Protein backbone atom coordinates (compact mmCIF):
# COMPACT_ATOMS: atom_id res chain seq x y z
CA MET A 1 12.90 13.01 -9.15
CA THR A 2 11.12 11.68 -6.25
CA GLY A 3 13.42 13.37 -3.62
CA VAL A 4 14.13 9.85 -1.85
CA PRO A 5 17.74 9.47 -1.28
CA LEU A 6 19.39 7.05 -3.78
CA ARG A 7 22.42 4.67 -3.57
CA LEU A 8 24.79 5.25 -6.49
CA CYS A 9 27.90 3.82 -7.78
CA VAL A 10 29.76 6.26 -10.14
CA LEU A 11 32.65 5.06 -12.51
CA GLY A 12 34.82 7.97 -13.48
CA GLY A 13 33.87 9.96 -10.43
CA THR A 14 37.38 11.57 -9.84
CA GLY A 15 37.32 12.98 -13.32
CA PHE A 16 36.35 16.60 -14.54
CA ILE A 17 32.57 15.73 -14.86
CA GLY A 18 32.49 13.04 -12.25
CA SER A 19 33.92 15.18 -9.37
CA ALA A 20 31.31 17.92 -10.17
CA LEU A 21 28.52 15.26 -10.21
CA VAL A 22 29.64 13.37 -6.96
CA ALA A 23 29.73 16.72 -5.04
CA ARG A 24 26.22 17.55 -6.27
CA LEU A 25 24.90 14.05 -5.33
CA ALA A 26 26.41 14.15 -1.85
CA ARG A 27 24.96 17.61 -1.40
CA ASP A 28 21.39 16.41 -2.44
CA GLY A 29 21.98 13.51 0.32
CA HIS A 30 22.50 10.72 -1.86
CA ASP A 31 24.71 7.83 -0.79
CA VAL A 32 27.52 7.76 -3.37
CA LYS A 33 30.22 5.06 -3.96
CA VAL A 34 33.22 6.00 -6.30
CA LEU A 35 35.36 3.37 -7.84
CA THR A 36 38.98 4.43 -8.40
CA ARG A 37 42.33 2.74 -9.17
CA SER A 38 44.12 4.93 -6.68
CA ARG A 39 42.31 5.83 -3.53
CA ALA A 40 45.33 7.69 -2.14
CA ARG A 41 45.35 10.12 -5.15
CA HIS A 42 41.65 11.04 -4.60
CA ARG A 43 41.30 11.20 -0.83
CA ALA A 44 40.10 14.88 -1.03
CA LEU A 45 36.72 13.57 -2.19
CA LEU A 46 36.36 12.02 1.47
CA VAL A 47 35.28 15.50 2.78
CA LEU A 48 31.79 14.74 1.16
CA PRO A 49 29.87 13.17 3.84
CA THR A 50 27.90 10.48 1.96
CA LEU A 51 30.70 9.45 -0.32
CA GLU A 52 32.48 6.15 -0.08
CA LEU A 53 35.86 5.97 -2.03
CA VAL A 54 36.73 2.17 -3.09
CA GLN A 55 40.03 1.30 -4.55
CA ALA A 56 38.91 -1.19 -7.18
CA ASP A 57 39.59 -2.30 -10.92
CA PRO A 58 36.33 -0.86 -12.98
CA TYR A 59 37.13 -3.23 -15.76
CA ASP A 60 36.83 -6.36 -13.70
CA GLU A 61 33.38 -7.68 -14.01
CA THR A 62 33.47 -9.66 -10.73
CA THR A 63 34.53 -6.54 -8.93
CA LEU A 64 31.60 -4.65 -10.57
CA ARG A 65 29.03 -7.02 -9.48
CA ARG A 66 30.12 -6.90 -6.03
CA GLU A 67 30.22 -3.01 -5.92
CA PHE A 68 26.98 -2.60 -7.53
CA ALA A 69 25.25 -4.70 -5.09
CA GLY A 70 22.62 -2.51 -3.24
CA CYS A 71 22.86 0.22 -5.73
CA ASP A 72 19.72 1.91 -7.27
CA VAL A 73 21.76 3.73 -10.04
CA VAL A 74 25.11 3.03 -11.77
CA VAL A 75 26.65 6.18 -13.56
CA ASN A 76 29.48 5.51 -16.07
CA LEU A 77 31.70 8.47 -17.03
CA ILE A 78 34.78 6.70 -17.92
CA GLY A 79 36.24 7.84 -21.26
CA ILE A 80 39.63 8.78 -23.01
CA LEU A 81 40.29 11.28 -25.67
CA ASN A 82 43.29 9.30 -26.89
CA GLU A 83 44.56 5.79 -26.52
CA ARG A 84 47.99 4.92 -25.66
CA GLY A 85 48.60 2.76 -28.76
CA PHE A 86 47.17 2.96 -32.22
CA GLY A 87 44.47 1.15 -34.25
CA GLY A 88 41.47 1.77 -31.85
CA ARG A 89 41.96 -1.12 -29.38
CA GLY A 90 42.24 1.41 -26.51
CA PHE A 91 39.15 3.23 -27.72
CA HIS A 92 37.33 -0.19 -27.91
CA HIS A 93 38.43 -1.33 -24.61
CA THR A 94 37.25 1.76 -22.78
CA HIS A 95 34.26 2.88 -24.63
CA THR A 96 32.74 -0.23 -25.89
CA GLU A 97 33.96 -3.33 -23.74
CA LEU A 98 33.74 -1.41 -20.47
CA PRO A 99 29.89 -0.50 -21.01
CA ARG A 100 29.25 -4.19 -21.97
CA ARG A 101 30.76 -5.23 -18.68
CA VAL A 102 29.02 -2.43 -16.61
CA LEU A 103 25.61 -3.43 -18.15
CA ALA A 104 26.07 -7.09 -17.37
CA ALA A 105 27.10 -6.46 -13.73
CA CYS A 106 24.17 -4.04 -13.46
CA ARG A 107 21.86 -7.14 -14.53
CA ALA A 108 23.65 -9.43 -12.11
CA ALA A 109 23.24 -7.06 -9.25
CA GLY A 110 19.78 -5.90 -9.77
CA VAL A 111 20.65 -2.31 -10.43
CA ARG A 112 17.49 -0.37 -11.81
CA ARG A 113 18.99 2.30 -13.81
CA TYR A 114 22.18 2.89 -15.78
CA LEU A 115 23.40 6.22 -16.88
CA HIS A 116 25.82 6.42 -19.80
CA MET A 117 28.09 9.09 -21.14
CA SER A 118 28.50 9.00 -24.86
CA SER A 119 29.25 11.77 -27.50
CA LEU A 120 27.60 13.78 -29.96
CA GLN A 121 28.13 12.20 -33.74
CA ALA A 122 28.88 8.86 -32.03
CA ASP A 123 28.17 6.23 -34.75
CA ALA A 124 29.44 2.69 -34.89
CA GLU A 125 29.54 2.53 -38.78
CA ARG A 126 29.82 5.95 -40.20
CA ALA A 127 31.93 7.92 -37.72
CA PRO A 128 35.30 9.19 -39.01
CA SER A 129 37.34 8.36 -35.77
CA HIS A 130 38.06 5.51 -33.43
CA TYR A 131 36.78 7.55 -30.53
CA LEU A 132 33.34 8.27 -32.25
CA ARG A 133 32.85 4.82 -33.40
CA SER A 134 33.72 3.22 -30.09
CA LYS A 135 31.23 5.62 -28.44
CA GLY A 136 28.68 4.35 -31.20
CA ALA A 137 29.18 0.85 -30.61
CA ALA A 138 28.37 1.17 -26.90
CA GLU A 139 25.25 2.97 -27.81
CA ARG A 140 24.29 0.22 -30.08
CA LEU A 141 24.82 -2.60 -27.50
CA LEU A 142 22.79 -0.55 -24.91
CA ALA A 143 20.14 -0.02 -27.50
CA ALA A 144 19.93 -3.69 -28.17
CA ALA A 145 19.34 -4.20 -24.27
CA ALA A 146 16.70 -1.46 -23.99
CA ALA A 147 13.72 -3.84 -23.28
CA ASP A 148 15.52 -5.24 -20.29
CA LEU A 149 16.58 -3.85 -16.86
CA PRO A 150 18.48 -1.72 -16.09
CA ALA A 151 16.62 1.16 -17.55
CA VAL A 152 19.40 3.08 -19.71
CA VAL A 153 19.82 6.79 -19.93
CA ILE A 154 22.44 8.10 -22.49
CA PHE A 155 23.85 11.54 -22.57
CA ARG A 156 25.54 12.88 -25.99
CA PRO A 157 27.18 16.16 -25.03
CA SER A 158 29.20 18.56 -27.04
CA VAL A 159 32.54 19.57 -25.66
CA VAL A 160 32.19 20.40 -21.90
CA PHE A 161 33.60 23.40 -20.34
CA GLY A 162 34.00 24.61 -16.69
CA PRO A 163 36.64 24.98 -13.95
CA GLY A 164 39.26 22.54 -14.48
CA ASP A 165 38.30 21.57 -17.98
CA GLY A 166 40.56 20.32 -20.73
CA LEU A 167 39.30 22.63 -23.51
CA PHE A 168 39.91 26.33 -22.54
CA ARG A 169 42.71 25.55 -20.19
CA ARG A 170 44.55 23.63 -22.72
CA PHE A 171 44.27 26.45 -25.21
CA ALA A 172 45.14 28.83 -22.48
CA GLY A 173 48.65 27.05 -21.77
CA LEU A 174 49.31 26.82 -25.64
CA LEU A 175 48.52 30.46 -26.19
CA ARG A 176 50.72 31.64 -23.50
CA MET A 177 53.64 29.81 -25.28
CA ALA A 178 52.71 30.78 -28.80
CA PRO A 179 54.68 33.61 -30.56
CA GLY A 180 51.88 35.52 -31.56
CA ILE A 181 50.97 33.06 -34.34
CA PHE A 182 48.73 30.05 -33.49
CA PRO A 183 48.56 27.30 -35.96
CA LEU A 184 45.14 25.52 -35.92
CA ALA A 185 43.84 22.54 -37.42
CA CYS A 186 40.17 22.15 -38.09
CA ALA A 187 39.71 25.87 -37.35
CA ASP A 188 35.97 25.94 -38.83
CA ALA A 189 34.88 23.01 -36.94
CA LYS A 190 31.76 23.78 -34.99
CA PHE A 191 30.79 23.01 -31.33
CA ALA A 192 28.10 24.04 -28.91
CA PRO A 193 30.15 24.10 -25.54
CA VAL A 194 28.19 22.96 -22.70
CA TYR A 195 28.55 24.04 -19.10
CA VAL A 196 29.54 21.11 -16.62
CA GLY A 197 26.96 22.16 -14.21
CA ASP A 198 24.42 21.91 -16.92
CA VAL A 199 25.64 18.36 -17.69
CA VAL A 200 25.50 17.48 -14.05
CA ALA A 201 21.97 18.90 -13.86
CA ALA A 202 20.81 16.67 -16.66
CA ILE A 203 22.06 13.64 -14.81
CA ILE A 204 20.26 14.55 -11.64
CA ALA A 205 17.09 14.91 -13.56
CA THR A 206 17.16 11.50 -14.88
CA LEU A 207 18.29 9.57 -11.81
CA ASP A 208 14.81 8.21 -11.30
CA ALA A 209 12.52 9.97 -13.70
CA PRO A 210 10.35 7.37 -15.30
CA GLU A 211 9.95 9.37 -18.48
CA ALA A 212 13.59 9.37 -18.94
CA ALA A 213 14.12 5.63 -19.04
CA GLY A 214 15.61 4.63 -22.42
CA ARG A 215 16.15 8.06 -23.48
CA THR A 216 19.13 9.63 -25.28
CA PHE A 217 19.77 13.25 -24.40
CA GLU A 218 21.86 15.61 -26.55
CA LEU A 219 23.43 18.37 -24.39
CA CYS A 220 24.71 21.48 -25.81
CA GLY A 221 25.16 25.23 -24.72
CA PRO A 222 23.39 28.24 -26.29
CA GLU A 223 26.18 29.37 -28.39
CA VAL A 224 27.31 27.43 -31.68
CA VAL A 225 31.03 28.54 -32.26
CA THR A 226 34.09 27.31 -34.23
CA LEU A 227 37.28 26.33 -32.97
CA ARG A 228 38.70 29.45 -34.16
CA ASP A 229 36.27 31.48 -32.04
CA ILE A 230 37.17 29.26 -28.96
CA VAL A 231 40.77 30.19 -29.56
CA HIS A 232 40.01 34.02 -29.85
CA MET A 233 37.82 33.99 -26.84
CA THR A 234 40.48 32.31 -24.86
CA ALA A 235 43.20 34.83 -25.96
CA ARG A 236 40.93 37.73 -25.35
CA THR A 237 40.23 36.40 -21.82
CA LEU A 238 43.99 36.21 -21.17
CA GLY A 239 44.72 39.55 -22.62
CA LEU A 240 46.79 38.08 -25.50
CA ARG A 241 46.97 39.09 -29.11
CA VAL A 242 47.34 36.18 -31.38
CA TRP A 243 46.87 35.51 -35.14
CA VAL A 244 45.01 32.35 -35.76
CA LEU A 245 46.69 30.45 -38.81
CA PRO A 246 44.10 27.74 -40.24
CA LEU A 247 45.99 24.84 -41.51
CA PRO A 248 45.03 23.15 -44.61
CA TRP A 249 44.05 19.40 -44.37
CA PRO A 250 47.67 18.22 -45.25
CA LEU A 251 49.20 20.32 -42.68
CA ALA A 252 46.70 19.57 -40.12
CA TRP A 253 47.27 15.76 -40.66
CA LEU A 254 50.99 16.08 -40.29
CA GLN A 255 50.41 18.15 -37.09
CA GLY A 256 48.09 15.30 -35.96
CA LEU A 257 50.79 12.71 -36.77
CA VAL A 258 53.78 14.65 -35.13
CA LEU A 259 51.78 15.64 -31.88
CA GLY A 260 50.39 12.28 -31.54
CA LEU A 261 53.73 10.82 -31.06
CA LEU A 262 54.59 13.18 -28.31
CA PRO A 263 53.99 12.10 -24.52
CA GLY A 264 50.35 12.56 -23.58
CA LYS A 265 49.33 13.11 -27.16
CA PRO A 266 48.42 16.71 -26.97
CA PHE A 267 46.64 16.39 -30.40
CA SER A 268 46.44 13.17 -32.61
CA LEU A 269 45.07 11.91 -35.99
CA ASP A 270 42.07 10.59 -34.09
CA ASN A 271 41.31 13.93 -32.61
CA LEU A 272 41.60 15.62 -36.13
CA ARG A 273 39.20 12.95 -37.62
CA SER A 274 36.55 13.52 -34.71
CA ALA A 275 36.99 17.45 -35.41
CA SER A 276 35.94 16.74 -38.98
CA VAL A 277 32.36 16.45 -38.17
CA ASP A 278 30.49 19.28 -36.15
CA SER A 279 29.57 18.76 -32.60
CA VAL A 280 26.29 20.33 -32.54
CA CYS A 281 22.82 19.11 -31.15
CA GLY A 282 20.03 17.96 -33.33
CA SER A 283 17.72 18.23 -30.46
CA ASN A 284 17.64 20.17 -27.29
CA GLY A 285 17.97 17.63 -24.38
CA LEU A 286 18.64 20.33 -21.74
CA ALA A 287 15.30 22.01 -22.71
CA GLU A 288 13.37 18.67 -22.52
CA LEU A 289 14.87 18.30 -19.02
CA GLY A 290 13.72 21.88 -18.04
CA ILE A 291 17.28 23.06 -17.91
CA VAL A 292 18.34 26.44 -19.04
CA PRO A 293 21.85 26.35 -20.64
CA SER A 294 24.61 28.51 -19.28
CA SER A 295 26.58 30.75 -21.64
CA MET A 296 30.33 30.13 -22.00
CA ARG A 297 31.00 33.76 -22.58
CA THR A 298 29.90 34.69 -19.00
CA ILE A 299 31.46 31.70 -17.20
CA VAL A 300 34.60 31.01 -18.84
CA PRO A 301 36.08 34.34 -17.86
CA SER A 302 35.37 33.62 -14.19
CA TYR A 303 37.93 30.78 -14.04
CA LEU A 304 40.10 31.35 -16.87
CA ARG A 305 40.96 35.14 -16.45
CA PRO A 306 44.28 35.81 -14.58
CA ARG A 307 43.70 37.20 -11.10
């Protein structure tokens, strides 16, 4: 980084990763614009001195062109873990169509760099889930535009943890309700959980670094663990004793089907299919950026353990 303050527009800046990112950007003195559908819900962000919170539809390309004008960098963190309906249309709309519109708006507004959040194992053709295929389709369209401005940087994290996460906190809530036995689909699925602060550091490191242009960075933490390990660690941190019952595929499929019909979809068949491929890195993107990854075993207890 040059150290020169930049003008950024962040999509998804009110979410888990986004709120951590915009706080860091503001602290570093950058001018940050965050687009949100509900400005009133996220007014707490206005305490950040260099942040502008704009109520706008991030899916409207005309709006994007207007709000991107004058920006050096656009960051797109918008994503969903489940769609409202079925068939993949919601995933395509959010993970593929939105990036296409963002890229077009960046070009129209003269934005120099576009930072895009994808996922490990994203593949438009071979991935087993709508989630991963839609992420892969976005990577493919961005790769096709690599020779033109804006310069694109893609991040592919494993599951992300930290205060306010949807991983350990969700398991903590479920374990508190479990009667000592915890049925678990994809118990042996592998992950390399990466700390949200390290993901933010990776984004900061690539804001204007010339060598980052056109690159894809896989982001993983230092430990490779199974889903069963994550549940056991959560239980130990909470002081709970639980027996994890791995579900065979037919029962896991039934669990995904039933839970996917509940409000909020706590688990779905698409989640099950995503978990059927290990979320581990083939290359060490954090090391390439000079970032030493943080251990979940030291950080998770700091925010999950009862006080």
